[in-house]
Every structure is written in C-alpha cells, then in structure tokens.
C-alpha cells in the first residue's frame, strides 16, 4: 500500500505535554495535514501535564471510560503509532486497561511502538513495557547502540536490528515553521534557553555563564525559559546565585544575590519561537553518556537553527553525534568546515562567553552561520524526507506474524526454564489485582517477579541474583 492512501493514527497514551514527545507528534501531524495524509492524534486527557497548553493541534481526547470506543476507532486504521504510554503514577486501572484494550485489543492495524525517553531508568518504569513492545509489529528507538534497541532485539526473536527494531529520526516541518524563520542577523543582543528543566539539558550552565557574558558586555541579555517549580529546578535554577526569578508578574524581578540571568516559567511554543527569531543566540547544554547519544538532536536544538538564532551547543555532544543522512562526519568536524554553532566546554564558560560577545559584533559571520545552521537541519531533519520514508517503511514491513501470542508465552521465553512454573503461578495470582512489572530488568536482565504498588515497583521474588543467560 502507498502511504498516501493509508489511514494513520498516533496515540499519546500518557497525555499531552510540552516536551519533545508531543512536539514530534505535532511536527508529523502538521506535515500530514499539509500533504493530505489521513492521520489523527488520539490523546489521553484524564490527566493534565503542566505544559499541556503549550502545543496547538487537533486531536481526539479520551479518558479511561472511552477506551472501548477508542479501540474501535483505532481498529479502522491501517497503522497505529504508539507515541507514549501510561506511567505508574497514573491510575492503575487506566494503565491496565490501556494495555488490555488498546495495546492488545487493537489487532487489525500495523502497530508501531516508539520511545521518547532518554534513560533506561525511565523507560523501564513504563508499566507492561515488555508486553507492550512484544505486541508491536515494529519498534523505533533512538539508535542501534542504545540500551533500548539492544534489549528489544535480544528479547524478541522476530524483531531484529534494521528489520523490525529501527532508528527513529526527529523531524521538522519547515514549511509550517517558516513563520518563525529569520534568516537575517538578529537584532536582540540576547542568548536564550528554551525547554524544561533536566540535568541533560543543563540550563544552569547558561546561568553560570551569565556573569562572564555580562563582564564582556553588560548590556547583553541572558534569558532562561520553561523552568517549572520542581525540586530539581529549585535547587539547580531558582537557588542559583545568578538567577533573577521572573515567574510572578505581580512581584516583578526577584534577583538572587548575584542575579544577572532572567528565569521564566513554562511558555507557549509559538511565543518562544517568535522571540527566538530575534534573539542572536540560543543555548542547549544537551549531553548524555557517549553510549546513549545515537546521533540525535533535541527538538529545541533544531528550532534554534530554524529561527536563525545562532546555537551554542555542548562540545561533547558535537564530538559524539554524526550527520547520519548525509556526510557521516561528526557535527564538530562539519562545523569546522561549515560553521553554524559555537561549541561550549562546561569547564570553560568564560571562553564561550567571550566568543558569544565577539560574534555579536560580526554581522557577516552571523549571516554565514545562520545560513549554515538552516542548511544542516534541512539536510538531516526535513519532514519532507523523514516522514514519507518512515510511513512507507512501516507499511512495507507490515505485521509481525511471529510475535508472542500471550503474556504467558513471553514469560516462558524470557524466564529461565527452572523458574517458569513458579513465575507463572505468581503472575496468575497477581495479574488481576496489581500491575505486574513486565520490565526489561525483571524479565530479561534478571529473573524477578514484581508488581507496582502506588508509584513504586515491589520485587515479590528474585529467583536468581546473577545476570541470566539468554535463551537461544
């Protein structure tokens, strides 16, 4: 079947939020709308996330009571792409019914599982993770060397690398985003961070860079947008001596003792993009362990280049991620020949601050870098290339006819033979009254039977402490 004639759905089983998971769904949705492709988004609205209003798009909202009707609607599609899944902090009945009625109960379409979580800890806390991914016909993770992709290939004989466990590529619908593009040197002498607080994005690094920027140019504005009032953000951002808390308009600026960087709360995506289109620079400290990078950008990083704000990116990220659709070289090496970013070593903030201020005075260099930045993201992440390739790839691969038929079959395959009978006995005892932890740690890396009580995973019995031997 040609993707132009197929019916697609995206399921946001967790909820609508303002992070990359929802943003990537919106990028694909806007591209499909513009190109006449039949794609609907189905989003859980039984729980609202803090950033649920930051994205603007059409969707079918549902609550737990609607799952039977949603199942019927999804079974009328050709492809259903699962974008996110309920967490343990959601109601247990919703997590269980989502698994039974949507993951298992949707049987006619090709089912595709995506993961937008970065870290093993968070991925493996998704209730019924192993069961969910077994039920998928195709799985997309961030790359072949990631823990997630390797685990999926190891657990499921019918899903092998580059066949049914594939690399996921973020994309930007540049036609839709051109409203925020400014290819001329920007007039606002400012550097911005846009995004939520996480240590992997490292927004506090920009706060710590702020006094150096101010030393070289006292008129330069430093702005951090998107900081929620979580415990982590409080310690890392709001208690930072260089923070100026701008989150309460009634109080006005609330500077700490050395305050020189403005910090704002969650924002509407379009508003931030408009401001970026006039900001000279934009910062991301995005960094991971070398084994976790897998040649990817965050959505905000692509949006910086689209808006024409010259990006300041982490040097470790630049040296360990590659252009995968074109030249194959690292972004660090590419940048030496086609400069589009400044690279920052977290141990030398003063050097980067000086480079930022010097570049702010060089209009011709800014023109070159803005042009090169837009070129590189078009080469690697254009929705005009990425989306049709992915949709057609899914249709061409079709259904996985060899996946395990039942949860019991998964248990028999993954748990060591000597423990299977007792494991199944525990499974049958707990499955109707608790969420059984179908996690990679429990079923693939070890032999543990566990359940979820409240928000916590409880190990009921560990059959073997040493790492299990994989079955052939």
Protein backbone atom coordinates (compact mmCIF):
# COMPACT_ATOMS: atom_id res chain seq x y z
CA UNK A 1 0.00 0.00 0.00
CA UNK A 2 1.17 3.52 -0.77
CA UNK A 3 1.34 5.71 2.33
CA UNK A 4 -0.68 8.39 0.54
CA UNK A 5 -3.71 6.07 0.58
CA UNK A 6 -3.34 4.76 4.15
CA UNK A 7 -5.01 5.81 7.39
CA UNK A 8 -2.68 6.57 10.29
CA UNK A 9 -3.10 7.28 13.99
CA UNK A 10 -0.78 8.48 16.75
CA UNK A 11 -1.64 7.55 20.33
CA UNK A 12 -0.43 9.75 23.19
CA UNK A 13 -1.21 7.25 25.92
CA UNK A 14 0.40 9.29 28.66
CA UNK A 15 -1.01 12.76 28.00
CA UNK A 16 -0.36 15.96 26.07
CA UNK A 17 2.72 17.74 27.34
CA UNK A 18 5.18 20.35 26.18
CA UNK A 19 8.20 18.11 25.75
CA UNK A 20 9.75 16.55 22.67
CA UNK A 21 7.41 13.55 22.59
CA UNK A 22 4.33 15.68 21.88
CA UNK A 23 6.33 18.13 19.75
CA UNK A 24 7.47 15.34 17.40
CA UNK A 25 3.88 14.13 17.06
CA UNK A 26 2.79 17.66 16.17
CA UNK A 27 5.53 18.01 13.53
CA UNK A 28 4.35 14.82 11.81
CA UNK A 29 0.70 15.82 12.16
CA UNK A 30 1.26 19.25 10.58
CA UNK A 31 3.18 17.70 7.70
CA UNK A 32 0.40 15.15 7.11
CA UNK A 33 -2.27 17.85 7.24
CA UNK A 34 -0.42 19.93 4.70
CA UNK A 35 0.14 16.97 2.37
CA UNK A 36 -3.33 15.45 2.54
CA UNK A 37 -2.33 12.36 4.55
CA UNK A 38 -5.03 10.87 6.77
CA UNK A 39 -3.55 11.00 10.29
CA UNK A 40 -5.37 11.51 13.60
CA UNK A 41 -3.89 12.00 17.04
CA UNK A 42 -5.60 10.31 19.99
CA UNK A 43 -4.55 11.81 23.33
CA UNK A 44 -5.31 10.80 26.90
CA UNK A 45 -6.88 13.76 28.70
CA UNK A 46 -7.67 12.07 32.00
CA UNK A 47 -4.54 13.62 33.49
CA UNK A 48 -3.19 17.05 32.61
CA UNK A 49 0.54 17.68 32.49
CA UNK A 50 1.98 21.05 33.47
CA UNK A 51 2.66 22.04 29.84
CA UNK A 52 -0.48 20.67 28.20
CA UNK A 53 -1.42 24.06 26.72
CA UNK A 54 1.94 24.77 25.10
CA UNK A 55 1.17 22.91 21.85
CA UNK A 56 -1.63 23.75 19.43
CA UNK A 57 -3.04 20.92 17.29
CA UNK A 58 -6.23 18.95 16.66
CA UNK A 59 -6.73 15.66 18.47
CA UNK A 60 -9.31 13.19 19.73
CA UNK A 61 -9.24 13.42 23.52
CA UNK A 62 -10.21 10.40 25.58
CA UNK A 63 -10.49 9.23 29.18
CA UNK A 64 -10.36 5.71 30.59
CA UNK A 65 -14.12 5.27 30.21
CA UNK A 66 -13.76 5.86 26.45
CA UNK A 67 -11.23 3.09 25.76
CA UNK A 68 -13.73 0.69 24.17
CA UNK A 69 -14.77 3.35 21.65
CA UNK A 70 -11.13 4.35 21.02
CA UNK A 71 -10.32 0.70 20.36
CA UNK A 72 -13.00 0.57 17.66
CA UNK A 73 -11.74 3.76 16.03
CA UNK A 74 -8.13 2.60 16.04
CA UNK A 75 -9.05 -0.76 14.54
CA UNK A 76 -10.28 1.13 11.48
CA UNK A 77 -6.78 2.50 10.79
CA UNK A 78 -4.04 0.94 8.70
CA UNK A 79 -1.24 1.99 11.07
CA UNK A 80 -1.35 2.94 14.75
CA UNK A 81 1.79 4.56 16.17
CA UNK A 82 2.11 4.44 19.95
CA UNK A 83 3.93 7.61 20.96
CA UNK A 84 3.70 7.44 24.77
CA UNK A 85 2.32 5.18 27.48
CA UNK A 86 0.73 5.49 30.95
CA UNK A 87 3.11 5.86 33.89
CA UNK A 88 2.80 4.14 37.26
CA UNK A 89 1.68 7.44 38.79
CA UNK A 90 -1.47 7.25 36.65
CA UNK A 91 -4.40 5.21 37.90
CA UNK A 92 -3.56 1.53 37.83
CA UNK A 93 -6.85 0.70 36.18
CA UNK A 94 -6.06 3.05 33.30
CA UNK A 95 -2.60 1.54 32.80
CA UNK A 96 -4.06 -1.99 32.87
CA UNK A 97 -6.98 -1.18 30.57
CA UNK A 98 -4.73 0.70 28.15
CA UNK A 99 -2.60 -2.43 27.88
CA UNK A 100 -5.52 -4.83 27.53
CA UNK A 101 -7.91 -2.77 25.38
CA UNK A 102 -5.59 -0.62 23.28
CA UNK A 103 -2.21 -2.36 23.06
CA UNK A 104 -3.68 -5.87 22.87
CA UNK A 105 -7.22 -5.05 21.73
CA UNK A 106 -6.21 -3.11 18.63
CA UNK A 107 -5.42 -6.00 16.30
CA UNK A 108 -6.14 -5.00 12.71
CA UNK A 109 -3.66 -2.19 12.01
CA UNK A 110 0.12 -2.40 11.92
CA UNK A 111 1.16 -1.35 15.42
CA UNK A 112 4.34 0.67 15.92
CA UNK A 113 5.99 1.37 19.27
CA UNK A 114 8.13 4.46 19.84
CA UNK A 115 10.08 5.53 22.90
CA UNK A 116 10.98 9.15 23.51
CA UNK A 117 12.52 8.60 26.93
CA UNK A 118 16.29 9.05 27.11
CA UNK A 119 17.29 6.93 30.06
CA UNK A 120 16.98 3.26 30.91
CA UNK A 121 15.53 4.03 34.37
CA UNK A 122 12.55 5.93 32.96
CA UNK A 123 11.92 3.59 30.02
CA UNK A 124 11.88 0.50 32.20
CA UNK A 125 9.33 2.05 34.58
CA UNK A 126 6.62 2.07 31.90
CA UNK A 127 4.01 -0.45 33.12
CA UNK A 128 3.85 -3.59 30.96
CA UNK A 129 6.81 -2.37 28.86
CA UNK A 130 7.90 -5.81 27.61
CA UNK A 131 4.32 -6.84 26.85
CA UNK A 132 3.66 -3.57 25.03
CA UNK A 133 6.69 -3.89 22.80
CA UNK A 134 6.03 -7.55 22.05
CA UNK A 135 2.59 -6.55 20.76
CA UNK A 136 4.13 -4.04 18.37
CA UNK A 137 4.87 -5.07 14.81
CA UNK A 138 7.70 -2.56 14.52
CA UNK A 139 9.71 -0.73 17.19
CA UNK A 140 11.51 2.61 16.84
CA UNK A 141 14.20 3.65 19.30
CA UNK A 142 16.90 6.26 19.16
CA UNK A 143 19.52 4.02 17.62
CA UNK A 144 21.12 0.60 17.27
CA UNK A 145 23.63 1.11 20.10
CA UNK A 146 21.14 2.24 22.73
CA UNK A 147 20.12 0.07 25.66
CA UNK A 148 16.51 0.11 24.48
CA UNK A 149 17.16 -1.07 20.93
CA UNK A 150 19.60 -3.75 22.02
CA UNK A 151 17.17 -5.04 24.64
CA UNK A 152 14.28 -5.23 22.17
CA UNK A 153 16.41 -7.17 19.69
CA UNK A 154 17.60 -9.53 22.40
CA UNK A 155 14.16 -10.29 23.83
CA UNK A 156 12.11 -10.80 20.70
CA UNK A 157 13.36 -13.28 18.08
CA UNK A 158 11.07 -11.85 15.40
CA UNK A 159 12.35 -8.29 15.85
CA UNK A 160 15.90 -7.81 14.69
CA UNK A 161 18.05 -4.75 14.13
CA UNK A 162 17.31 -2.79 10.97
CA UNK A 163 14.33 -5.05 10.29
CA UNK A 164 11.72 -4.51 12.97
CA UNK A 165 13.80 -2.59 15.53
CA UNK A 166 14.67 0.64 13.79
CA UNK A 167 16.28 4.03 14.29
CA UNK A 168 13.89 6.88 14.96
CA UNK A 169 14.67 10.29 13.46
CA UNK A 170 13.26 13.55 14.74
CA UNK A 171 11.97 15.90 12.07
CA UNK A 172 10.84 19.46 11.47
CA UNK A 173 8.06 20.54 9.13
CA UNK A 174 9.96 23.54 7.78
CA UNK A 175 7.04 24.75 5.72
CA UNK A 176 4.97 25.09 8.88
CA UNK A 177 7.88 26.57 10.87
CA UNK A 178 8.85 29.17 8.27
CA UNK A 179 6.63 31.68 10.07
CA UNK A 180 9.28 31.73 12.80
CA UNK A 181 12.30 31.88 10.49
CA UNK A 182 14.51 34.94 10.32
CA UNK A 183 17.49 34.48 8.03
CA UNK A 184 18.86 37.97 8.67
CA UNK A 185 21.23 38.74 11.56
CA UNK A 186 19.11 39.12 14.66
CA UNK A 187 18.87 42.45 16.42
CA UNK A 188 18.28 41.40 20.03
CA UNK A 189 21.61 41.11 21.82
CA UNK A 190 20.43 38.13 23.77
CA UNK A 191 21.03 34.43 24.41
CA UNK A 192 18.07 32.19 25.31
CA UNK A 193 17.49 28.72 26.67
CA UNK A 194 14.09 27.25 25.78
CA UNK A 195 12.94 24.00 27.35
CA UNK A 196 12.05 22.23 30.55
CA UNK A 197 14.46 21.60 33.37
CA UNK A 198 16.51 18.41 33.24
CA UNK A 199 20.15 17.82 34.03
CA UNK A 200 20.69 16.50 30.48
CA UNK A 201 19.68 19.89 29.03
CA UNK A 202 21.81 21.66 31.66
CA UNK A 203 20.11 25.10 31.71
CA UNK A 204 22.05 26.04 34.87
CA UNK A 205 25.19 26.16 32.74
CA UNK A 206 23.81 29.22 30.99
CA UNK A 207 23.13 30.87 34.35
CA UNK A 208 26.71 30.16 35.37
CA UNK A 209 27.93 31.60 32.07
CA UNK A 210 25.89 34.79 32.52
CA UNK A 211 28.37 36.74 34.72
CA UNK A 212 31.11 36.16 32.14
CA UNK A 213 28.84 37.38 29.32
CA UNK A 214 27.97 40.44 31.39
CA UNK A 215 31.66 41.06 32.06
CA UNK A 216 32.36 41.32 28.34
CA UNK A 217 29.12 43.19 27.54
CA UNK A 218 26.96 44.49 30.43
CA UNK A 219 24.05 45.13 28.03
CA UNK A 220 23.80 41.51 26.86
CA UNK A 221 20.59 39.77 28.00
CA UNK A 222 20.59 36.19 29.30
CA UNK A 223 17.18 34.50 29.39
CA UNK A 224 16.14 31.01 30.54
CA UNK A 225 12.58 29.99 29.59
CA UNK A 226 10.49 26.99 30.64
CA UNK A 227 11.57 26.39 34.25
CA UNK A 228 8.89 24.70 36.34
CA UNK A 229 8.99 24.89 40.13
CA UNK A 230 10.09 21.29 40.69
CA UNK A 231 12.50 20.30 43.44
CA UNK A 232 15.29 19.79 40.93
CA UNK A 233 14.70 23.14 39.24
CA UNK A 234 14.56 24.91 42.61
CA UNK A 235 17.97 23.59 43.66
CA UNK A 236 19.61 23.97 40.27
CA UNK A 237 17.98 27.13 38.90
CA UNK A 238 15.98 29.19 41.37
CA UNK A 239 18.58 28.88 44.15
CA UNK A 240 21.40 29.65 41.71
CA UNK A 241 23.08 32.93 42.80
CA UNK A 242 22.86 34.30 39.23
CA UNK A 243 19.08 33.76 38.91
CA UNK A 244 16.58 36.58 38.50
CA UNK A 245 13.19 34.97 39.13
CA UNK A 246 10.71 36.42 36.60
CA UNK A 247 7.93 33.87 37.12
CA UNK A 248 5.50 36.13 39.02
CA UNK A 249 4.47 39.24 37.02
CA UNK A 250 2.85 40.73 40.11
CA UNK A 251 6.11 40.66 42.06
CA UNK A 252 8.35 41.62 39.15
CA UNK A 253 12.05 40.64 39.02
CA UNK A 254 13.25 38.76 42.09
CA UNK A 255 17.07 38.66 41.82
CA UNK A 256 19.32 36.45 43.91
CA UNK A 257 22.49 37.96 45.37
CA UNK A 258 24.37 37.99 42.04
CA UNK A 259 21.33 37.89 39.76
CA UNK A 260 22.12 38.50 36.09
CA UNK A 261 20.12 35.86 34.18
CA UNK A 262 16.33 36.11 33.82
CA UNK A 263 14.39 32.91 34.52
CA UNK A 264 10.81 32.40 33.27
CA UNK A 265 8.24 29.64 33.75
CA UNK A 266 6.57 27.41 31.15
CA UNK A 267 5.75 29.06 27.84
CA UNK A 268 3.55 28.65 24.78
CA UNK A 269 5.62 27.13 22.00
CA UNK A 270 4.71 29.71 19.34
CA UNK A 271 5.55 32.61 21.66
CA UNK A 272 9.03 31.26 22.33
CA UNK A 273 9.64 30.68 18.62
CA UNK A 274 8.75 34.30 17.84
CA UNK A 275 11.19 35.54 20.44
CA UNK A 276 13.92 33.20 19.18
CA UNK A 277 13.54 34.65 15.70
CA UNK A 278 15.00 37.92 17.03
CA UNK A 279 17.48 36.54 19.57
CA UNK A 280 21.11 36.47 18.40
CA UNK A 281 21.95 33.24 20.24
CA UNK A 282 20.30 30.20 21.81
CA UNK A 283 21.85 27.71 24.23
CA UNK A 284 21.49 23.99 24.83
CA UNK A 285 23.73 22.05 27.17
CA UNK A 286 22.24 18.75 25.98
CA UNK A 287 24.65 15.94 26.82
CA UNK A 288 24.47 12.24 27.61
CA UNK A 289 26.77 9.29 28.14
CA UNK A 290 28.64 8.56 24.94
CA UNK A 291 26.78 5.24 24.51
CA UNK A 292 23.38 6.99 24.70
CA UNK A 293 23.77 9.75 22.10
CA UNK A 294 22.92 7.82 18.93
CA UNK A 295 23.35 10.81 16.60
CA UNK A 296 20.36 12.86 17.64
CA UNK A 297 19.29 16.41 18.32
CA UNK A 298 16.62 17.63 20.68
CA UNK A 299 13.63 19.42 19.18
CA UNK A 300 14.66 22.76 20.71
CA UNK A 301 18.11 22.49 19.11
CA UNK A 302 16.55 22.18 15.66
CA UNK A 303 14.15 25.02 16.41
CA UNK A 304 17.04 27.32 17.29
CA UNK A 305 18.58 26.83 13.85
CA UNK A 306 15.22 27.17 12.12
CA UNK A 307 14.61 30.51 13.86
CA UNK A 308 18.06 31.78 12.93
CA UNK A 309 19.34 32.07 16.49
CA UNK A 310 23.00 31.01 16.42
CA UNK A 311 23.23 27.90 18.61
CA UNK A 312 25.68 27.32 21.45
CA UNK A 313 25.90 23.55 21.91
CA UNK A 314 27.84 21.22 24.17
CA UNK A 315 31.24 20.20 22.81
CA UNK A 316 30.86 16.58 23.94
CA UNK A 317 27.56 16.34 22.04
CA UNK A 318 29.24 17.85 18.94
CA UNK A 319 32.09 15.33 19.02
CA UNK A 320 29.94 12.21 19.52
CA UNK A 321 27.00 12.75 17.17
CA UNK A 322 27.06 12.40 13.40
CA UNK A 323 25.23 13.55 10.31
CA UNK A 324 23.55 10.23 9.52
CA UNK A 325 21.55 11.10 6.39
CA UNK A 326 24.39 12.86 4.55
CA UNK A 327 28.14 13.10 5.24
CA UNK A 328 28.56 10.75 8.22
CA UNK A 329 31.04 13.08 9.96
CA UNK A 330 30.63 14.44 13.48
CA UNK A 331 28.92 17.78 13.92
CA UNK A 332 32.16 19.06 15.43
CA UNK A 333 34.10 18.27 12.24
CA UNK A 334 31.30 19.52 10.00
CA UNK A 335 31.22 22.78 11.95
CA UNK A 336 34.92 23.37 11.28
CA UNK A 337 34.20 23.48 7.53
CA UNK A 338 30.68 24.93 7.61
CA UNK A 339 30.40 26.93 10.87
CA UNK A 340 26.87 27.06 12.23
CA UNK A 341 27.34 26.82 16.02
CA UNK A 342 29.59 27.76 18.89
CA UNK A 343 30.69 24.79 20.99
CA UNK A 344 30.90 25.04 24.75
CA UNK A 345 33.07 23.14 27.18
CA UNK A 346 31.27 23.16 30.52
CA UNK A 347 34.67 23.59 32.19
CA UNK A 348 35.48 26.81 30.31
CA UNK A 349 32.42 29.05 30.36
CA UNK A 350 34.45 32.26 30.13
CA UNK A 351 35.89 31.26 26.76
CA UNK A 352 32.41 30.67 25.31
CA UNK A 353 31.11 33.92 26.80
CA UNK A 354 33.90 35.83 25.10
CA UNK A 355 33.17 34.12 21.76
CA UNK A 356 29.47 34.99 22.06
CA UNK A 357 30.12 38.66 22.64
CA UNK A 358 32.74 38.86 19.89
CA UNK A 359 30.42 37.17 17.39
CA UNK A 360 27.61 39.56 18.32
CA UNK A 361 29.70 42.32 16.71
CA UNK A 362 30.44 40.42 13.47
CA UNK A 363 27.37 40.72 11.24
CA UNK A 364 28.91 38.96 8.22
CA UNK A 365 29.89 35.94 10.30
CA UNK A 366 26.39 35.82 11.75
CA UNK A 367 24.92 35.73 8.23
CA UNK A 368 27.14 32.77 7.31
CA UNK A 369 26.30 30.81 10.46
CA UNK A 370 22.56 31.42 10.21
CA UNK A 371 22.62 30.15 6.61
CA UNK A 372 24.70 27.09 7.52
CA UNK A 373 22.52 26.28 10.54
CA UNK A 374 19.38 26.22 8.47
CA UNK A 375 21.12 24.10 5.84
CA UNK A 376 22.31 21.41 8.25
CA UNK A 377 18.92 20.82 9.85
CA UNK A 378 17.31 20.67 6.40
CA UNK A 379 19.86 18.08 5.33
CA UNK A 380 19.19 15.87 8.34
CA UNK A 381 15.68 16.50 9.67
CA UNK A 382 13.34 17.74 6.97
CA UNK A 383 9.86 16.28 7.42
CA UNK A 384 9.56 16.26 3.62
CA UNK A 385 12.15 13.46 3.64
CA UNK A 386 11.82 11.80 7.04
CA UNK A 387 8.03 11.41 7.32
CA UNK A 388 7.16 9.80 3.96
CA UNK A 389 10.15 7.45 4.26
CA UNK A 390 9.03 6.32 7.72
CA UNK A 391 5.35 5.90 6.82
CA UNK A 392 6.21 3.86 3.73
CA UNK A 393 8.77 1.81 5.64
CA UNK A 394 6.11 0.85 8.19
CA UNK A 395 3.62 -0.20 5.51
CA UNK A 396 6.25 -2.18 3.60
CA UNK A 397 7.32 -4.13 6.69
CA UNK A 398 3.71 -4.88 7.67
CA UNK A 399 2.62 -7.16 10.50
CA UNK A 400 5.00 -9.21 12.63
CA UNK A 401 3.39 -12.63 12.29
CA UNK A 402 5.85 -14.30 14.65
CA UNK A 403 5.47 -12.23 17.82
CA UNK A 404 4.46 -13.99 21.03
CA UNK A 405 0.71 -14.52 21.26
CA UNK A 406 0.22 -14.17 25.02
CA UNK A 407 1.91 -12.83 28.14
CA UNK A 408 2.43 -16.41 29.24
CA UNK A 409 4.38 -17.10 26.03
CA UNK A 410 6.63 -14.10 26.77
CA UNK A 411 7.28 -15.40 30.28
CA UNK A 412 8.12 -18.89 29.01
CA UNK A 413 10.59 -17.43 26.54
CA UNK A 414 12.35 -14.91 28.77
CA UNK A 415 12.40 -16.51 32.22
CA UNK A 416 14.89 -19.30 32.85
CA UNK A 417 13.24 -22.70 32.44
CA UNK A 418 13.75 -23.77 36.05
CA UNK A 419 11.72 -20.78 37.32
CA UNK A 420 8.94 -20.61 34.73
CA UNK A 421 6.30 -22.61 36.61
CA UNK A 422 6.62 -20.61 39.82
CA UNK A 423 6.79 -17.33 37.87
CA UNK A 424 3.58 -18.18 36.06
CA UNK A 425 1.91 -19.10 39.35
CA UNK A 426 2.78 -15.67 40.77
CA UNK A 427 1.66 -14.00 37.54
CA UNK A 428 -1.77 -15.64 37.70
CA UNK A 429 -2.08 -14.76 41.38
CA UNK A 430 -1.36 -11.04 40.92
CA UNK A 431 -2.33 -10.11 37.37
CA UNK A 432 -5.94 -9.12 38.11
CA UNK A 433 -5.28 -7.14 41.28
CA UNK A 434 -1.95 -5.43 40.57
CA UNK A 435 0.11 -4.17 37.68
CA UNK A 436 2.67 -6.88 37.05
CA UNK A 437 6.06 -5.38 36.24
CA UNK A 438 6.83 -6.52 32.73
CA UNK A 439 10.20 -4.77 32.70
CA UNK A 440 13.49 -5.47 30.93
CA UNK A 441 15.33 -5.61 34.25
CA UNK A 442 12.91 -8.15 35.68
CA UNK A 443 12.37 -10.41 32.68
CA UNK A 444 15.48 -10.11 30.53
CA UNK A 445 18.40 -8.97 32.63
CA UNK A 446 17.34 -10.99 35.71
CA UNK A 447 14.61 -13.35 36.84
CA UNK A 448 12.44 -11.19 39.08
CA UNK A 449 8.71 -11.18 39.62
CA UNK A 450 7.49 -7.76 40.67
CA UNK A 451 4.36 -5.66 40.96
CA UNK A 452 3.59 -1.95 41.23
CA UNK A 453 2.09 -0.64 44.46
CA UNK A 454 1.26 3.04 44.32
CA UNK A 455 4.10 4.57 42.33
CA UNK A 456 6.69 2.03 43.45
CA UNK A 457 7.90 -1.21 41.96
CA UNK A 458 8.00 -4.02 44.51
CA UNK A 459 10.09 -7.15 43.94
CA UNK A 460 7.98 -10.09 45.14
CA UNK A 461 10.62 -12.68 44.40
CA UNK A 462 14.05 -12.70 42.80
CA UNK A 463 14.80 -16.17 41.52
CA UNK A 464 18.41 -15.61 40.63
CA UNK A 465 20.73 -12.76 41.51
CA UNK A 466 23.31 -13.24 38.77
CA UNK A 467 22.64 -11.98 35.27
CA UNK A 468 20.53 -14.51 33.41
CA UNK A 469 21.80 -16.38 30.38
CA UNK A 470 19.89 -15.51 27.26
CA UNK A 471 17.93 -18.26 25.65
CA UNK A 472 18.81 -19.13 22.09
